[in-house]
Amino acid sequence: MQYLPVNVLKHGDYDCTNNGVTVTHAKKLVVPCEGGHITEEDIEKRGYVVLELGVIRDSIHFKLPGQRGMFGGNFVHSGDSRFGKAYGRQPIHVHDRVER
């Protein structure tokens, strides 16, 4: 599996994620993407956090593997054309708010 790094898009200084992964690991998020330049080995060595694709009805979102979160207000996107081919050109919701 190959991955691409993504940028977190958020609204100002507000954090509605309850310290979700888009806040705590914003610079280390990657998504699965064919042709991506980050490998499984890179993930282990450099501590990347992998987001997986989720689907609710016809709407896609990203989430942490094995977690059921809710939308905390942040999105991910990449200017890399491979991201656009895989997921479309719009930023994607991240369901990283988990109530404890």
N, C-alpha and C. Protein backbone atom coordinates (compact mmCIF):
# COMPACT_ATOMS: atom_id res chain seq x y z
N MET A 1 0.86 -1.18 0.00
CA MET A 1 0.00 0.00 0.00
C MET A 1 0.90 1.24 0.00
N GLN A 2 0.45 2.24 -0.71
CA GLN A 2 1.18 3.51 -0.77
C GLN A 2 0.28 4.63 -0.25
N TYR A 3 0.90 5.70 0.21
CA TYR A 3 0.19 6.78 0.87
C TYR A 3 0.67 8.14 0.40
N LEU A 4 -0.19 9.14 0.61
CA LEU A 4 0.16 10.54 0.34
C LEU A 4 -0.04 11.35 1.61
N PRO A 5 0.84 12.32 1.86
CA PRO A 5 0.60 13.23 3.00
C PRO A 5 -0.52 14.20 2.64
N VAL A 6 -1.25 14.64 3.65
CA VAL A 6 -2.34 15.60 3.44
C VAL A 6 -2.18 16.80 4.36
N ASN A 7 -2.79 17.89 3.96
CA ASN A 7 -2.80 19.11 4.77
C ASN A 7 -4.13 19.21 5.48
N VAL A 8 -4.10 19.70 6.71
CA VAL A 8 -5.32 19.90 7.48
C VAL A 8 -5.84 21.30 7.24
N LEU A 9 -7.12 21.40 6.94
CA LEU A 9 -7.79 22.68 6.77
C LEU A 9 -8.75 22.85 7.94
N LYS A 10 -8.60 23.97 8.65
CA LYS A 10 -9.49 24.22 9.79
C LYS A 10 -9.88 25.69 9.83
N HIS A 11 -10.87 25.98 10.61
CA HIS A 11 -11.39 27.32 10.73
C HIS A 11 -10.72 28.04 11.90
N GLY A 12 -9.81 28.91 11.59
CA GLY A 12 -9.18 29.74 12.63
C GLY A 12 -8.56 28.96 13.76
N ASP A 13 -8.74 29.47 14.95
CA ASP A 13 -8.16 28.86 16.14
C ASP A 13 -9.11 27.95 16.89
N TYR A 14 -10.28 27.74 16.35
CA TYR A 14 -11.27 26.89 17.03
C TYR A 14 -10.90 25.42 16.90
N ASP A 15 -11.09 24.68 17.98
CA ASP A 15 -10.89 23.23 17.93
C ASP A 15 -12.14 22.55 18.46
N CYS A 16 -12.92 22.03 17.56
CA CYS A 16 -14.13 21.31 17.95
C CYS A 16 -13.92 19.80 17.87
N THR A 17 -12.66 19.37 17.74
CA THR A 17 -12.39 17.94 17.59
C THR A 17 -12.18 17.23 18.93
N ASN A 18 -12.13 17.99 20.02
CA ASN A 18 -11.83 17.38 21.31
C ASN A 18 -10.42 16.77 21.28
N ASN A 19 -9.46 17.53 20.74
CA ASN A 19 -8.07 17.08 20.57
C ASN A 19 -7.96 15.87 19.65
N GLY A 20 -8.67 15.93 18.55
CA GLY A 20 -8.61 14.86 17.55
C GLY A 20 -7.28 14.84 16.83
N VAL A 21 -7.11 13.83 16.00
CA VAL A 21 -5.85 13.61 15.31
C VAL A 21 -5.50 14.75 14.35
N THR A 22 -6.48 15.50 13.85
CA THR A 22 -6.16 16.63 12.97
C THR A 22 -5.53 17.78 13.73
N VAL A 23 -5.61 17.75 15.05
CA VAL A 23 -4.97 18.76 15.89
C VAL A 23 -3.65 18.22 16.45
N THR A 24 -3.66 17.01 16.93
CA THR A 24 -2.49 16.46 17.60
C THR A 24 -1.41 15.95 16.65
N HIS A 25 -1.79 15.55 15.43
CA HIS A 25 -0.83 14.98 14.48
C HIS A 25 -0.97 15.61 13.09
N ALA A 26 -1.29 16.87 13.02
CA ALA A 26 -1.60 17.54 11.75
C ALA A 26 -0.50 17.40 10.70
N LYS A 27 0.73 17.36 11.11
CA LYS A 27 1.84 17.31 10.15
C LYS A 27 2.26 15.88 9.79
N LYS A 28 1.59 14.89 10.34
CA LYS A 28 1.98 13.49 10.09
C LYS A 28 0.83 12.65 9.54
N LEU A 29 -0.18 13.28 8.97
CA LEU A 29 -1.33 12.52 8.46
C LEU A 29 -1.10 12.10 7.02
N VAL A 30 -1.44 10.86 6.72
CA VAL A 30 -1.35 10.33 5.36
C VAL A 30 -2.63 9.57 5.04
N VAL A 31 -2.94 9.47 3.75
CA VAL A 31 -4.10 8.72 3.29
C VAL A 31 -3.65 7.72 2.23
N PRO A 32 -4.36 6.59 2.13
CA PRO A 32 -4.01 5.61 1.10
C PRO A 32 -4.20 6.21 -0.29
N CYS A 33 -3.23 5.99 -1.16
CA CYS A 33 -3.34 6.51 -2.52
C CYS A 33 -2.38 5.75 -3.43
N GLU A 34 -2.94 5.13 -4.44
CA GLU A 34 -2.11 4.41 -5.39
C GLU A 34 -1.12 5.36 -6.05
N GLY A 35 0.12 4.96 -6.08
CA GLY A 35 1.16 5.81 -6.65
C GLY A 35 1.76 6.80 -5.67
N GLY A 36 1.30 6.77 -4.41
CA GLY A 36 1.83 7.67 -3.40
C GLY A 36 3.30 7.38 -3.12
N HIS A 37 4.00 8.34 -2.57
CA HIS A 37 5.43 8.18 -2.34
C HIS A 37 5.81 7.77 -0.92
N ILE A 38 4.83 7.55 -0.07
CA ILE A 38 5.11 7.10 1.30
C ILE A 38 4.73 5.62 1.39
N THR A 39 5.65 4.82 1.93
CA THR A 39 5.45 3.38 2.01
C THR A 39 5.12 2.97 3.45
N GLU A 40 4.75 1.70 3.60
CA GLU A 40 4.48 1.15 4.94
C GLU A 40 5.71 1.30 5.83
N GLU A 41 6.87 1.09 5.25
CA GLU A 41 8.13 1.22 6.00
C GLU A 41 8.33 2.65 6.51
N ASP A 42 8.01 3.63 5.65
CA ASP A 42 8.12 5.04 6.05
C ASP A 42 7.18 5.34 7.22
N ILE A 43 6.00 4.76 7.19
CA ILE A 43 5.01 5.00 8.25
C ILE A 43 5.55 4.54 9.59
N GLU A 44 6.14 3.37 9.61
CA GLU A 44 6.70 2.85 10.86
C GLU A 44 7.90 3.67 11.33
N LYS A 45 8.80 4.01 10.42
CA LYS A 45 10.02 4.75 10.77
C LYS A 45 9.73 6.16 11.26
N ARG A 46 8.84 6.86 10.56
CA ARG A 46 8.64 8.29 10.81
C ARG A 46 7.41 8.62 11.64
N GLY A 47 6.63 7.61 12.00
CA GLY A 47 5.48 7.85 12.87
C GLY A 47 4.30 8.54 12.22
N TYR A 48 4.09 8.28 10.94
CA TYR A 48 2.91 8.84 10.27
C TYR A 48 1.64 8.23 10.85
N VAL A 49 0.54 8.97 10.77
CA VAL A 49 -0.76 8.48 11.20
C VAL A 49 -1.61 8.28 9.95
N VAL A 50 -2.09 7.06 9.76
CA VAL A 50 -2.87 6.72 8.57
C VAL A 50 -4.36 6.95 8.83
N LEU A 51 -4.97 7.68 7.92
CA LEU A 51 -6.42 7.84 7.94
C LEU A 51 -7.01 6.88 6.92
N GLU A 52 -8.13 6.26 7.26
CA GLU A 52 -8.77 5.36 6.31
C GLU A 52 -10.06 5.99 5.81
N LEU A 53 -10.48 5.53 4.66
CA LEU A 53 -11.69 6.05 4.04
C LEU A 53 -12.92 5.42 4.68
N GLY A 54 -13.89 6.24 4.98
CA GLY A 54 -15.18 5.78 5.48
C GLY A 54 -16.28 6.31 4.58
N VAL A 55 -17.41 5.64 4.59
CA VAL A 55 -18.54 6.06 3.76
C VAL A 55 -19.81 6.02 4.60
N ILE A 56 -20.54 7.11 4.57
CA ILE A 56 -21.87 7.16 5.18
C ILE A 56 -22.82 7.58 4.07
N ARG A 57 -23.73 6.68 3.74
CA ARG A 57 -24.60 6.86 2.57
C ARG A 57 -23.72 7.07 1.35
N ASP A 58 -23.82 8.19 0.67
CA ASP A 58 -22.99 8.44 -0.51
C ASP A 58 -21.86 9.42 -0.23
N SER A 59 -21.64 9.74 1.03
CA SER A 59 -20.64 10.74 1.39
C SER A 59 -19.40 10.06 1.97
N ILE A 60 -18.22 10.44 1.44
CA ILE A 60 -16.98 9.87 1.97
C ILE A 60 -16.39 10.78 3.04
N HIS A 61 -15.62 10.19 3.90
CA HIS A 61 -14.89 10.93 4.94
C HIS A 61 -13.66 10.10 5.31
N PHE A 62 -12.76 10.70 6.06
CA PHE A 62 -11.62 9.96 6.59
C PHE A 62 -11.80 9.80 8.09
N LYS A 63 -11.22 8.73 8.63
CA LYS A 63 -11.29 8.45 10.06
C LYS A 63 -10.08 7.64 10.46
N LEU A 64 -9.87 7.50 11.75
CA LEU A 64 -8.82 6.63 12.25
C LEU A 64 -9.29 5.18 12.14
N PRO A 65 -8.41 4.28 11.77
CA PRO A 65 -8.81 2.87 11.66
C PRO A 65 -9.37 2.36 12.98
N GLY A 66 -10.49 1.67 12.89
CA GLY A 66 -11.08 1.05 14.08
C GLY A 66 -11.85 1.99 14.99
N GLN A 67 -11.95 3.25 14.67
CA GLN A 67 -12.67 4.19 15.52
C GLN A 67 -13.93 4.68 14.85
N ARG A 68 -14.92 4.95 15.66
CA ARG A 68 -16.13 5.60 15.18
C ARG A 68 -16.16 6.99 15.76
N GLY A 69 -15.75 7.92 14.96
CA GLY A 69 -15.73 9.31 15.40
C GLY A 69 -16.82 10.09 14.71
N MET A 70 -16.83 11.37 15.00
CA MET A 70 -17.78 12.26 14.34
C MET A 70 -17.01 13.45 13.79
N PHE A 71 -17.63 14.18 12.90
CA PHE A 71 -16.98 15.32 12.26
C PHE A 71 -16.71 16.41 13.29
N GLY A 72 -15.44 16.80 13.40
CA GLY A 72 -15.03 17.82 14.36
C GLY A 72 -14.78 19.18 13.73
N GLY A 73 -15.07 19.30 12.43
CA GLY A 73 -14.93 20.59 11.78
C GLY A 73 -13.71 20.73 10.87
N ASN A 74 -12.80 19.77 10.89
CA ASN A 74 -11.59 19.88 10.07
C ASN A 74 -11.67 18.99 8.83
N PHE A 75 -10.91 19.39 7.82
CA PHE A 75 -10.87 18.69 6.55
C PHE A 75 -9.42 18.38 6.21
N VAL A 76 -9.22 17.44 5.28
CA VAL A 76 -7.88 17.22 4.73
C VAL A 76 -7.95 17.35 3.22
N HIS A 77 -6.81 17.73 2.65
CA HIS A 77 -6.71 17.90 1.21
C HIS A 77 -5.24 17.85 0.83
N SER A 78 -5.00 17.61 -0.45
CA SER A 78 -3.64 17.66 -0.97
C SER A 78 -3.68 18.26 -2.35
N GLY A 79 -2.69 19.05 -2.67
CA GLY A 79 -2.58 19.62 -4.00
C GLY A 79 -2.04 18.62 -5.01
N ASP A 80 -1.62 17.46 -4.54
CA ASP A 80 -1.08 16.42 -5.42
C ASP A 80 -2.20 15.88 -6.31
N SER A 81 -1.97 15.78 -7.60
CA SER A 81 -3.01 15.34 -8.54
C SER A 81 -3.47 13.92 -8.26
N ARG A 82 -2.63 13.10 -7.64
CA ARG A 82 -3.03 11.73 -7.31
C ARG A 82 -4.15 11.73 -6.27
N PHE A 83 -4.12 12.68 -5.35
CA PHE A 83 -5.20 12.80 -4.37
C PHE A 83 -6.50 13.14 -5.09
N GLY A 84 -6.45 14.09 -6.01
CA GLY A 84 -7.64 14.48 -6.77
C GLY A 84 -8.22 13.34 -7.58
N LYS A 85 -7.36 12.53 -8.17
CA LYS A 85 -7.85 11.38 -8.95
C LYS A 85 -8.51 10.34 -8.05
N ALA A 86 -7.97 10.14 -6.86
CA ALA A 86 -8.49 9.12 -5.95
C ALA A 86 -9.74 9.58 -5.20
N TYR A 87 -9.78 10.85 -4.78
CA TYR A 87 -10.83 11.29 -3.87
C TYR A 87 -11.62 12.50 -4.36
N GLY A 88 -11.29 13.04 -5.49
CA GLY A 88 -11.96 14.25 -5.98
C GLY A 88 -11.17 15.49 -5.60
N ARG A 89 -11.63 16.62 -6.09
CA ARG A 89 -10.87 17.86 -5.89
C ARG A 89 -11.24 18.63 -4.64
N GLN A 90 -12.29 18.23 -3.97
CA GLN A 90 -12.74 18.96 -2.78
C GLN A 90 -12.07 18.42 -1.51
N PRO A 91 -11.89 19.26 -0.50
CA PRO A 91 -11.40 18.77 0.80
C PRO A 91 -12.38 17.73 1.36
N ILE A 92 -11.84 16.80 2.12
CA ILE A 92 -12.62 15.69 2.67
C ILE A 92 -12.76 15.85 4.19
N HIS A 93 -13.98 15.65 4.70
CA HIS A 93 -14.23 15.69 6.15
C HIS A 93 -13.37 14.66 6.87
N VAL A 94 -12.97 14.99 8.08
CA VAL A 94 -12.29 14.01 8.94
C VAL A 94 -13.15 13.81 10.18
N HIS A 95 -13.54 12.57 10.43
CA HIS A 95 -14.34 12.22 11.59
C HIS A 95 -13.37 11.81 12.70
N ASP A 96 -12.83 12.81 13.38
CA ASP A 96 -11.81 12.55 14.41
C ASP A 96 -12.22 13.03 15.80
N ARG A 97 -13.45 13.43 15.96
CA ARG A 97 -13.93 13.81 17.29
C ARG A 97 -14.48 12.56 17.97
N VAL A 98 -13.88 12.18 19.08
CA VAL A 98 -14.30 11.00 19.81
C VAL A 98 -14.68 11.45 21.22
N GLU A 99 -15.87 11.12 21.62
CA GLU A 99 -16.33 11.45 23.00
C GLU A 99 -15.78 10.40 23.94
N ARG A 100 -15.25 10.84 25.04
CA ARG A 100 -14.69 9.91 26.03
C ARG A 100 -15.55 9.86 27.26
